[in-house]
Structures are given as structure tokens and as C-alpha cells.
Amino acid sequence: MKRIEIIANKSIQEDMFDAFKKADIVKNYTLIPVVLGVGKSGPRMGDHIWPEENFSITIYCDIKEAEQIKEIITELKTFFKQEGIKLFELTGENY
């Protein structure tokens, strides 16, 4: 079992979900629609100085689906080079 967490700029959210739907994956997830903070891609604070915002999605899935998710995120990163897309993966038996 894998736990995948993706934090990305809101501008790619629709494209990501479209890619998941096309691949027929990520049927169950938790979405946090607005995530603020500072990372390597710069501040995302949702204010007049730093207007951009991120979102976060957490997915629990099997190994095969995790690989498909990582492939899609890799493709999105090549297309949206400046948007900030991070994927974190944990493996565990207690999920």
C-alpha cells in the first residue's frame, strides 16, 4: 500500500484530474483545495503580494496505481515547468 501526497499550483489541478480520469485511476482521495506556504517554487500565499495558491491531494493506493500516478505527475512537470508540482510517496503496511 502506498500513500501519495501531491502539492501543486492550483493552475494545474484540472489538468491533473483530467489525466487521472483518462487513465481511470485515483477514484478515492482527499483534496485540500487551498494550501498556502513557501517552497522551492516560491511563495504561494493567496494575497495581493503573492497571489498564487496551491492545493494538496492525498491518495492511498496500490503499487501499480502509484506508478501510474507518478508517470502522470512526471508528464505534468515537463509541461508545466514553472508551476511547482511536488509528489511525496510513503510505503506502509498500516494504511
PDB file of N, CA and C in Angstrom:
ATOM      1  N   MET A   1       0.845  -1.171   0.000  1.00  0.00           N
ATOM      2  CA  MET A   1       0.000   0.000   0.000  1.00  0.00           C
ATOM      3  C   MET A   1       0.892   1.237   0.000  1.00  0.00           C
ATOM      4  N   LYS A   2       0.486   2.251  -0.750  1.00  0.00           N
ATOM      5  CA  LYS A   2       1.241   3.492  -0.862  1.00  0.00           C
ATOM      6  C   LYS A   2       0.373   4.666  -0.424  1.00  0.00           C
ATOM      7  N   ARG A   3       1.029   5.667   0.119  1.00  0.00           N
ATOM      8  CA  ARG A   3       0.388   6.948   0.412  1.00  0.00           C
ATOM      9  C   ARG A   3       1.096   7.970  -0.458  1.00  0.00           C
ATOM     10  N   ILE A   4       0.343   8.594  -1.346  1.00  0.00           N
ATOM     11  CA  ILE A   4       0.874   9.607  -2.249  1.00  0.00           C
ATOM     12  C   ILE A   4       0.295  10.952  -1.838  1.00  0.00           C
ATOM     13  N   GLU A   5       1.160  11.927  -1.672  1.00  0.00           N
ATOM     14  CA  GLU A   5       0.702  13.289  -1.418  1.00  0.00           C
ATOM     15  C   GLU A   5       1.276  14.185  -2.507  1.00  0.00           C
ATOM     16  N   ILE A   6       0.404  14.952  -3.127  1.00  0.00           N
ATOM     17  CA  ILE A   6       0.819  15.872  -4.175  1.00  0.00           C
ATOM     18  C   ILE A   6       0.446  17.276  -3.730  1.00  0.00           C
ATOM     19  N   ILE A   7       1.410  18.173  -3.810  1.00  0.00           N
ATOM     20  CA  ILE A   7       1.165  19.592  -3.555  1.00  0.00           C
ATOM     21  C   ILE A   7       1.568  20.316  -4.828  1.00  0.00           C
ATOM     22  N   ALA A   8       0.639  21.101  -5.375  1.00  0.00           N
ATOM     23  CA  ALA A   8       0.907  21.751  -6.655  1.00  0.00           C
ATOM     24  C   ALA A   8       0.140  23.062  -6.774  1.00  0.00           C
ATOM     25  N   ASN A   9       0.574  23.862  -7.732  1.00  0.00           N
ATOM     26  CA  ASN A   9      -0.103  25.112  -8.033  1.00  0.00           C
ATOM     27  C   ASN A   9      -1.518  24.814  -8.517  1.00  0.00           C
ATOM     28  N   LYS A  10      -2.480  25.612  -8.054  1.00  0.00           N
ATOM     29  CA  LYS A  10      -3.888  25.397  -8.437  1.00  0.00           C
ATOM     30  C   LYS A  10      -4.100  25.426  -9.940  1.00  0.00           C
ATOM     31  N   SER A  11      -3.210  26.082 -10.667  1.00  0.00           N
ATOM     32  CA  SER A  11      -3.374  26.205 -12.121  1.00  0.00           C
ATOM     33  C   SER A  11      -3.310  24.862 -12.840  1.00  0.00           C
ATOM     34  N   ILE A  12      -2.739  23.831 -12.218  1.00  0.00           N
ATOM     35  CA  ILE A  12      -2.642  22.526 -12.887  1.00  0.00           C
ATOM     36  C   ILE A  12      -3.662  21.517 -12.375  1.00  0.00           C
ATOM     37  N   GLN A  13      -4.472  21.915 -11.413  1.00  0.00           N
ATOM     38  CA  GLN A  13      -5.386  20.963 -10.768  1.00  0.00           C
ATOM     39  C   GLN A  13      -6.324  20.290 -11.773  1.00  0.00           C
ATOM     40  N   GLU A  14      -6.956  21.051 -12.624  1.00  0.00           N
ATOM     41  CA  GLU A  14      -7.895  20.477 -13.593  1.00  0.00           C
ATOM     42  C   GLU A  14      -7.184  19.535 -14.557  1.00  0.00           C
ATOM     43  N   ASP A  15      -6.002  19.925 -15.020  1.00  0.00           N
ATOM     44  CA  ASP A  15      -5.245  19.057 -15.933  1.00  0.00           C
ATOM     45  C   ASP A  15      -4.863  17.746 -15.256  1.00  0.00           C
ATOM     46  N   MET A  16      -4.490  17.811 -13.982  1.00  0.00           N
ATOM     47  CA  MET A  16      -4.125  16.606 -13.248  1.00  0.00           C
ATOM     48  C   MET A  16      -5.317  15.666 -13.117  1.00  0.00           C
ATOM     49  N   PHE A  17      -6.462  16.202 -12.706  1.00  0.00           N
ATOM     50  CA  PHE A  17      -7.642  15.350 -12.560  1.00  0.00           C
ATOM     51  C   PHE A  17      -8.111  14.801 -13.911  1.00  0.00           C
ATOM     52  N   ASP A  18      -7.980  15.578 -14.974  1.00  0.00           N
ATOM     53  CA  ASP A  18      -8.316  15.071 -16.312  1.00  0.00           C
ATOM     54  C   ASP A  18      -7.415  13.895 -16.687  1.00  0.00           C
ATOM     55  N   ALA A  19      -6.132  14.006 -16.384  1.00  0.00           N
ATOM     56  CA  ALA A  19      -5.191  12.917 -16.688  1.00  0.00           C
ATOM     57  C   ALA A  19      -5.506  11.676 -15.855  1.00  0.00           C
ATOM     58  N   PHE A  20      -5.858  11.865 -14.574  1.00  0.00           N
ATOM     59  CA  PHE A  20      -6.231  10.727 -13.739  1.00  0.00           C
ATOM     60  C   PHE A  20      -7.488  10.051 -14.288  1.00  0.00           C
ATOM     61  N   LYS A  21      -8.452  10.855 -14.695  1.00  0.00           N
ATOM     62  CA  LYS A  21      -9.700  10.299 -15.229  1.00  0.00           C
ATOM     63  C   LYS A  21      -9.435   9.532 -16.520  1.00  0.00           C
ATOM     64  N   LYS A  22      -8.614  10.086 -17.395  1.00  0.00           N
ATOM     65  CA  LYS A  22      -8.284   9.419 -18.662  1.00  0.00           C
ATOM     66  C   LYS A  22      -7.592   8.077 -18.411  1.00  0.00           C
ATOM     67  N   ALA A  23      -6.742   8.024 -17.382  1.00  0.00           N
ATOM     68  CA  ALA A  23      -6.040   6.779 -17.037  1.00  0.00           C
ATOM     69  C   ALA A  23      -6.900   5.858 -16.177  1.00  0.00           C
ATOM     70  N   ASP A  24      -8.089   6.315 -15.787  1.00  0.00           N
ATOM     71  CA  ASP A  24      -9.021   5.555 -14.957  1.00  0.00           C
ATOM     72  C   ASP A  24      -8.396   5.172 -13.614  1.00  0.00           C
ATOM     73  N   ILE A  25      -7.751   6.168 -12.981  1.00  0.00           N
ATOM     74  CA  ILE A  25      -7.144   5.960 -11.662  1.00  0.00           C
ATOM     75  C   ILE A  25      -7.587   7.075 -10.718  1.00  0.00           C
ATOM     76  N   VAL A  26      -7.189   6.965  -9.466  1.00  0.00           N
ATOM     77  CA  VAL A  26      -7.470   7.935  -8.396  1.00  0.00           C
ATOM     78  C   VAL A  26      -8.983   8.132  -8.244  1.00  0.00           C
ATOM     79  N   LYS A  27      -9.623   7.079  -7.830  1.00  0.00           N
ATOM     80  CA  LYS A  27     -11.068   7.113  -7.578  1.00  0.00           C
ATOM     81  C   LYS A  27     -11.370   7.627  -6.166  1.00  0.00           C
ATOM     82  N   ASN A  28     -10.427   7.447  -5.245  1.00  0.00           N
ATOM     83  CA  ASN A  28     -10.607   7.859  -3.846  1.00  0.00           C
ATOM     84  C   ASN A  28      -9.421   8.718  -3.442  1.00  0.00           C
ATOM     85  N   TYR A  29      -9.725   9.848  -2.852  1.00  0.00           N
ATOM     86  CA  TYR A  29      -8.663  10.776  -2.461  1.00  0.00           C
ATOM     87  C   TYR A  29      -9.208  11.783  -1.452  1.00  0.00           C
ATOM     88  N   THR A  30      -8.292  12.515  -0.840  1.00  0.00           N
ATOM     89  CA  THR A  30      -8.648  13.650   0.000  1.00  0.00           C
ATOM     90  C   THR A  30      -8.025  14.884  -0.629  1.00  0.00           C
ATOM     91  N   LEU A  31      -8.840  15.882  -0.888  1.00  0.00           N
ATOM     92  CA  LEU A  31      -8.381  17.115  -1.520  1.00  0.00           C
ATOM     93  C   LEU A  31      -8.464  18.263  -0.518  1.00  0.00           C
ATOM     94  N   ILE A  32      -7.383  18.960  -0.357  1.00  0.00           N
ATOM     95  CA  ILE A  32      -7.373  20.219   0.395  1.00  0.00           C
ATOM     96  C   ILE A  32      -7.254  21.297  -0.675  1.00  0.00           C
ATOM     97  N   PRO A  33      -8.339  22.043  -0.928  1.00  0.00           N
ATOM     98  CA  PRO A  33      -8.393  22.913  -2.109  1.00  0.00           C
ATOM     99  C   PRO A  33      -7.493  24.139  -2.071  1.00  0.00           C
ATOM    100  N   VAL A  34      -7.138  24.638  -0.901  1.00  0.00           N
ATOM    101  CA  VAL A  34      -6.256  25.801  -0.825  1.00  0.00           C
ATOM    102  C   VAL A  34      -5.167  25.521   0.203  1.00  0.00           C
ATOM    103  N   VAL A  35      -3.927  25.535  -0.273  1.00  0.00           N
ATOM    104  CA  VAL A  35      -2.771  25.317   0.582  1.00  0.00           C
ATOM    105  C   VAL A  35      -1.819  26.485   0.368  1.00  0.00           C
ATOM    106  N   LEU A  36      -1.451  27.149   1.443  1.00  0.00           N
ATOM    107  CA  LEU A  36      -0.554  28.293   1.378  1.00  0.00           C
ATOM    108  C   LEU A  36       0.789  27.919   1.982  1.00  0.00           C
ATOM    109  N   GLY A  37       1.847  28.546   1.479  1.00  0.00           N
ATOM    110  CA  GLY A  37       3.164  28.284   2.035  1.00  0.00           C
ATOM    111  C   GLY A  37       4.267  28.739   1.112  1.00  0.00           C
ATOM    112  N   VAL A  38       5.483  28.406   1.495  1.00  0.00           N
ATOM    113  CA  VAL A  38       6.670  28.770   0.724  1.00  0.00           C
ATOM    114  C   VAL A  38       7.487  27.513   0.499  1.00  0.00           C
ATOM    115  N   GLY A  39       7.773  27.245  -0.756  1.00  0.00           N
ATOM    116  CA  GLY A  39       8.599  26.106  -1.117  1.00  0.00           C
ATOM    117  C   GLY A  39       9.667  26.535  -2.103  1.00  0.00           C
ATOM    118  N   LYS A  40      10.291  25.572  -2.743  1.00  0.00           N
ATOM    119  CA  LYS A  40      11.348  25.873  -3.714  1.00  0.00           C
ATOM    120  C   LYS A  40      10.835  26.675  -4.907  1.00  0.00           C
ATOM    121  N   SER A  41       9.541  26.557  -5.191  1.00  0.00           N
ATOM    122  CA  SER A  41       8.955  27.288  -6.323  1.00  0.00           C
ATOM    123  C   SER A  41       8.524  28.694  -5.931  1.00  0.00           C
ATOM    124  N   GLY A  42       8.738  29.068  -4.680  1.00  0.00           N
ATOM    125  CA  GLY A  42       8.409  30.413  -4.228  1.00  0.00           C
ATOM    126  C   GLY A  42       7.146  30.451  -3.400  1.00  0.00           C
ATOM    127  N   PRO A  43       6.807  31.634  -2.902  1.00  0.00           N
ATOM    128  CA  PRO A  43       5.630  31.783  -2.045  1.00  0.00           C
ATOM    129  C   PRO A  43       4.317  31.578  -2.797  1.00  0.00           C
ATOM    130  N   ARG A  44       3.394  30.946  -2.129  1.00  0.00           N
ATOM    131  CA  ARG A  44       2.015  30.793  -2.607  1.00  0.00           C
ATOM    132  C   ARG A  44       1.141  31.180  -1.417  1.00  0.00           C
ATOM    133  N   MET A  45       0.790  32.452  -1.321  1.00  0.00           N
ATOM    134  CA  MET A  45       0.132  32.961  -0.125  1.00  0.00           C
ATOM    135  C   MET A  45      -1.305  33.416  -0.358  1.00  0.00           C
ATOM    136  N   GLY A  46      -1.747  33.477  -1.609  1.00  0.00           N
ATOM    137  CA  GLY A  46      -3.129  33.848  -1.888  1.00  0.00           C
ATOM    138  C   GLY A  46      -3.466  35.282  -1.516  1.00  0.00           C
ATOM    139  N   ASP A  47      -2.463  36.151  -1.470  1.00  0.00           N
ATOM    140  CA  ASP A  47      -2.731  37.554  -1.144  1.00  0.00           C
ATOM    141  C   ASP A  47      -2.328  38.455  -2.312  1.00  0.00           C
ATOM    142  N   HIS A  48      -2.414  39.762  -2.127  1.00  0.00           N
ATOM    143  CA  HIS A  48      -2.125  40.675  -3.237  1.00  0.00           C
ATOM    144  C   HIS A  48      -0.637  40.722  -3.588  1.00  0.00           C
ATOM    145  N   ILE A  49       0.227  40.322  -2.687  1.00  0.00           N
ATOM    146  CA  ILE A  49       1.666  40.308  -2.968  1.00  0.00           C
ATOM    147  C   ILE A  49       2.076  38.987  -3.628  1.00  0.00           C
ATOM    148  N   TRP A  50       1.617  37.883  -3.077  1.00  0.00           N
ATOM    149  CA  TRP A  50       1.891  36.540  -3.594  1.00  0.00           C
ATOM    150  C   TRP A  50       0.538  35.879  -3.877  1.00  0.00           C
ATOM    151  N   PRO A  51      -0.084  36.192  -5.015  1.00  0.00           N
ATOM    152  CA  PRO A  51      -1.476  35.799  -5.236  1.00  0.00           C
ATOM    153  C   PRO A  51      -1.731  34.318  -5.535  1.00  0.00           C
ATOM    154  N   GLU A  52      -0.714  33.591  -5.908  1.00  0.00           N
ATOM    155  CA  GLU A  52      -0.955  32.195  -6.276  1.00  0.00           C
ATOM    156  C   GLU A  52      -1.262  31.342  -5.045  1.00  0.00           C
ATOM    157  N   GLU A  53      -1.953  30.219  -5.298  1.00  0.00           N
ATOM    158  CA  GLU A  53      -2.299  29.262  -4.255  1.00  0.00           C
ATOM    159  C   GLU A  53      -1.972  27.860  -4.743  1.00  0.00           C
ATOM    160  N   ASN A  54      -1.740  26.983  -3.812  1.00  0.00           N
ATOM    161  CA  ASN A  54      -1.538  25.568  -4.099  1.00  0.00           C
ATOM    162  C   ASN A  54      -2.760  24.781  -3.649  1.00  0.00           C
ATOM    163  N   PHE A  55      -2.778  23.516  -4.014  1.00  0.00           N
ATOM    164  CA  PHE A  55      -3.744  22.557  -3.490  1.00  0.00           C
ATOM    165  C   PHE A  55      -2.946  21.330  -3.070  1.00  0.00           C
ATOM    166  N   SER A  56      -3.564  20.484  -2.290  1.00  0.00           N
ATOM    167  CA  SER A  56      -2.931  19.239  -1.870  1.00  0.00           C
ATOM    168  C   SER A  56      -3.924  18.103  -2.042  1.00  0.00           C
ATOM    169  N   ILE A  57      -3.439  16.976  -2.504  1.00  0.00           N
ATOM    170  CA  ILE A  57      -4.265  15.779  -2.635  1.00  0.00           C
ATOM    171  C   ILE A  57      -3.500  14.614  -2.021  1.00  0.00           C
ATOM    172  N   THR A  58      -4.198  13.820  -1.217  1.00  0.00           N
ATOM    173  CA  THR A  58      -3.627  12.626  -0.606  1.00  0.00           C
ATOM    174  C   THR A  58      -4.382  11.410  -1.136  1.00  0.00           C
ATOM    175  N   ILE A  59      -3.612  10.422  -1.561  1.00  0.00           N
ATOM    176  CA  ILE A  59      -4.179   9.230  -2.184  1.00  0.00           C
ATOM    177  C   ILE A  59      -3.566   7.994  -1.522  1.00  0.00           C
ATOM    178  N   TYR A  60      -4.392   7.044  -1.147  1.00  0.00           N
ATOM    179  CA  TYR A  60      -3.930   5.736  -0.687  1.00  0.00           C
ATOM    180  C   TYR A  60      -4.237   4.746  -1.802  1.00  0.00           C
ATOM    181  N   CYS A  61      -3.213   4.022  -2.251  1.00  0.00           N
ATOM    182  CA  CYS A  61      -3.406   3.165  -3.426  1.00  0.00           C
ATOM    183  C   CYS A  61      -2.416   2.006  -3.413  1.00  0.00           C
ATOM    184  N   ASP A  62      -2.587   1.108  -4.372  1.00  0.00           N
ATOM    185  CA  ASP A  62      -1.646   0.001  -4.503  1.00  0.00           C
ATOM    186  C   ASP A  62      -0.421   0.462  -5.302  1.00  0.00           C
ATOM    187  N   ILE A  63       0.555  -0.405  -5.394  1.00  0.00           N
ATOM    188  CA  ILE A  63       1.826  -0.066  -6.038  1.00  0.00           C
ATOM    189  C   ILE A  63       1.630   0.274  -7.510  1.00  0.00           C
ATOM    190  N   LYS A  64       0.796  -0.473  -8.209  1.00  0.00           N
ATOM    191  CA  LYS A  64       0.573  -0.235  -9.642  1.00  0.00           C
ATOM    192  C   LYS A  64      -0.024   1.154  -9.880  1.00  0.00           C
ATOM    193  N   GLU A  65      -1.033   1.505  -9.094  1.00  0.00           N
ATOM    194  CA  GLU A  65      -1.653   2.818  -9.259  1.00  0.00           C
ATOM    195  C   GLU A  65      -0.664   3.929  -8.892  1.00  0.00           C
ATOM    196  N   ALA A  66       0.165   3.700  -7.884  1.00  0.00           N
ATOM    197  CA  ALA A  66       1.177   4.698  -7.501  1.00  0.00           C
ATOM    198  C   ALA A  66       2.129   4.969  -8.656  1.00  0.00           C
ATOM    199  N   GLU A  67       2.518   3.919  -9.365  1.00  0.00           N
ATOM    200  CA  GLU A  67       3.409   4.095 -10.517  1.00  0.00           C
ATOM    201  C   GLU A  67       2.725   4.913 -11.612  1.00  0.00           C
ATOM    202  N   GLN A  68       1.448   4.650 -11.854  1.00  0.00           N
ATOM    203  CA  GLN A  68       0.704   5.412 -12.863  1.00  0.00           C
ATOM    204  C   GLN A  68       0.592   6.882 -12.461  1.00  0.00           C
ATOM    205  N   ILE A  69       0.340   7.121 -11.196  1.00  0.00           N
ATOM    206  CA  ILE A  69       0.245   8.497 -10.704  1.00  0.00           C
ATOM    207  C   ILE A  69       1.575   9.217 -10.906  1.00  0.00           C
ATOM    208  N   LYS A  70       2.676   8.558 -10.558  1.00  0.00           N
ATOM    209  CA  LYS A  70       3.999   9.172 -10.705  1.00  0.00           C
ATOM    210  C   LYS A  70       4.306   9.483 -12.176  1.00  0.00           C
ATOM    211  N   GLU A  71       3.897   8.609 -13.088  1.00  0.00           N
ATOM    212  CA  GLU A  71       4.107   8.861 -14.518  1.00  0.00           C
ATOM    213  C   GLU A  71       3.340  10.098 -14.970  1.00  0.00           C
ATOM    214  N   ILE A  72       2.110  10.227 -14.531  1.00  0.00           N
ATOM    215  CA  ILE A  72       1.293  11.391 -14.898  1.00  0.00           C
ATOM    216  C   ILE A  72       1.899  12.667 -14.328  1.00  0.00           C
ATOM    217  N   ILE A  73       2.332  12.630 -13.086  1.00  0.00           N
ATOM    218  CA  ILE A  73       2.932  13.817 -12.473  1.00  0.00           C
ATOM    219  C   ILE A  73       4.232  14.187 -13.198  1.00  0.00           C
ATOM    220  N   THR A  74       5.017  13.208 -13.586  1.00  0.00           N
ATOM    221  CA  THR A  74       6.236  13.484 -14.351  1.00  0.00           C
ATOM    222  C   THR A  74       5.904  14.186 -15.662  1.00  0.00           C
ATOM    223  N   GLU A  75       4.858  13.725 -16.350  1.00  0.00           N
ATOM    224  CA  GLU A  75       4.429  14.373 -17.593  1.00  0.00           C
ATOM    225  C   GLU A  75       3.973  15.809 -17.340  1.00  0.00           C
ATOM    226  N   LEU A  76       3.197  16.007 -16.285  1.00  0.00           N
ATOM    227  CA  LEU A  76       2.731  17.353 -15.959  1.00  0.00           C
ATOM    228  C   LEU A  76       3.896  18.274 -15.630  1.00  0.00           C
ATOM    229  N   LYS A  77       4.902  17.761 -14.943  1.00  0.00           N
ATOM    230  CA  LYS A  77       6.071  18.575 -14.606  1.00  0.00           C
ATOM    231  C   LYS A  77       6.822  19.027 -15.853  1.00  0.00           C
ATOM    232  N   THR A  78       6.858  18.190 -16.881  1.00  0.00           N
ATOM    233  CA  THR A  78       7.561  18.587 -18.101  1.00  0.00           C
ATOM    234  C   THR A  78       6.774  19.638 -18.871  1.00  0.00           C
ATOM    235  N   PHE A  79       5.456  19.595 -18.763  1.00  0.00           N
ATOM    236  CA  PHE A  79       4.614  20.557 -19.470  1.00  0.00           C
ATOM    237  C   PHE A  79       4.485  21.868 -18.690  1.00  0.00           C
ATOM    238  N   PHE A  80       4.340  21.784 -17.368  1.00  0.00           N
ATOM    239  CA  PHE A  80       4.181  22.956 -16.503  1.00  0.00           C
ATOM    240  C   PHE A  80       5.469  23.155 -15.692  1.00  0.00           C
ATOM    241  N   LYS A  81       6.525  23.570 -16.346  1.00  0.00           N
ATOM    242  CA  LYS A  81       7.847  23.644 -15.727  1.00  0.00           C
ATOM    243  C   LYS A  81       7.952  24.666 -14.604  1.00  0.00           C
ATOM    244  N   GLN A  82       7.189  25.738 -14.655  1.00  0.00           N
ATOM    245  CA  GLN A  82       7.323  26.819 -13.679  1.00  0.00           C
ATOM    246  C   GLN A  82       6.266  26.787 -12.576  1.00  0.00           C
ATOM    247  N   GLU A  83       5.365  25.823 -12.585  1.00  0.00           N
ATOM    248  CA  GLU A  83       4.212  25.872 -11.687  1.00  0.00           C
ATOM    249  C   GLU A  83       4.437  25.283 -10.298  1.00  0.00           C
ATOM    250  N   GLY A  84       5.412  24.497 -10.101  1.00  0.00           N
ATOM    251  CA  GLY A  84       5.632  23.891  -8.795  1.00  0.00           C
ATOM    252  C   GLY A  84       4.693  22.718  -8.562  1.00  0.00           C
ATOM    253  N   ILE A  85       5.211  21.524  -8.743  1.00  0.00           N
ATOM    254  CA  ILE A  85       4.447  20.286  -8.528  1.00  0.00           C
ATOM    255  C   ILE A  85       5.356  19.340  -7.749  1.00  0.00           C
ATOM    256  N   LYS A  86       4.931  18.958  -6.563  1.00  0.00           N
ATOM    257  CA  LYS A  86       5.727  18.057  -5.734  1.00  0.00           C
ATOM    258  C   LYS A  86       4.912  16.810  -5.395  1.00  0.00           C
ATOM    259  N   LEU A  87       5.557  15.664  -5.463  1.00  0.00           N
ATOM    260  CA  LEU A  87       4.925  14.395  -5.113  1.00  0.00           C
ATOM    261  C   LEU A  87       5.761  13.738  -4.018  1.00  0.00           C
ATOM    262  N   PHE A  88       5.088  13.309  -2.959  1.00  0.00           N
ATOM    263  CA  PHE A  88       5.723  12.608  -1.851  1.00  0.00           C
ATOM    264  C   PHE A  88       5.063  11.230  -1.752  1.00  0.00           C
ATOM    265  N   GLU A  89       5.890  10.216  -1.544  1.00  0.00           N
ATOM    266  CA  GLU A  89       5.384   8.840  -1.511  1.00  0.00           C
ATOM    267  C   GLU A  89       5.871   8.137  -0.247  1.00  0.00           C
ATOM    268  N   LEU A  90       4.937   7.500   0.438  1.00  0.00           N
ATOM    269  CA  LEU A  90       5.265   6.695   1.613  1.00  0.00           C
ATOM    270  C   LEU A  90       4.758   5.278   1.405  1.00  0.00           C
ATOM    271  N   THR A  91       5.499   4.329   1.890  1.00  0.00           N
ATOM    272  CA  THR A  91       5.083   2.933   1.836  1.00  0.00           C
ATOM    273  C   THR A  91       4.811   2.466   3.252  1.00  0.00           C
ATOM    274  N   GLY A  92       3.715   1.733   3.418  1.00  0.00           N
ATOM    275  CA  GLY A  92       3.417   1.253   4.747  1.00  0.00           C
ATOM    276  C   GLY A  92       2.424   0.124   4.744  1.00  0.00           C
ATOM    277  N   GLU A  93       2.460  -0.656   5.784  1.00  0.00           N
ATOM    278  CA  GLU A  93       1.527  -1.757   5.932  1.00  0.00           C
ATOM    279  C   GLU A  93       0.332  -1.377   6.795  1.00  0.00           C
ATOM    280  N   ASN A  94       0.398  -0.239   7.468  1.00  0.00           N
ATOM    281  CA  ASN A  94      -0.645   0.160   8.397  1.00  0.00           C
ATOM    282  C   ASN A  94      -1.677   1.107   7.791  1.00  0.00           C
ATOM    283  N   TYR A  95      -1.627   1.350   6.506  1.00  0.00           N
ATOM    284  CA  TYR A  95      -2.592   2.272   5.876  1.00  0.00           C
ATOM    285  C   TYR A  95      -3.906   1.588   5.656  1.00  0.00           C
TER     286      TYR A  95
END
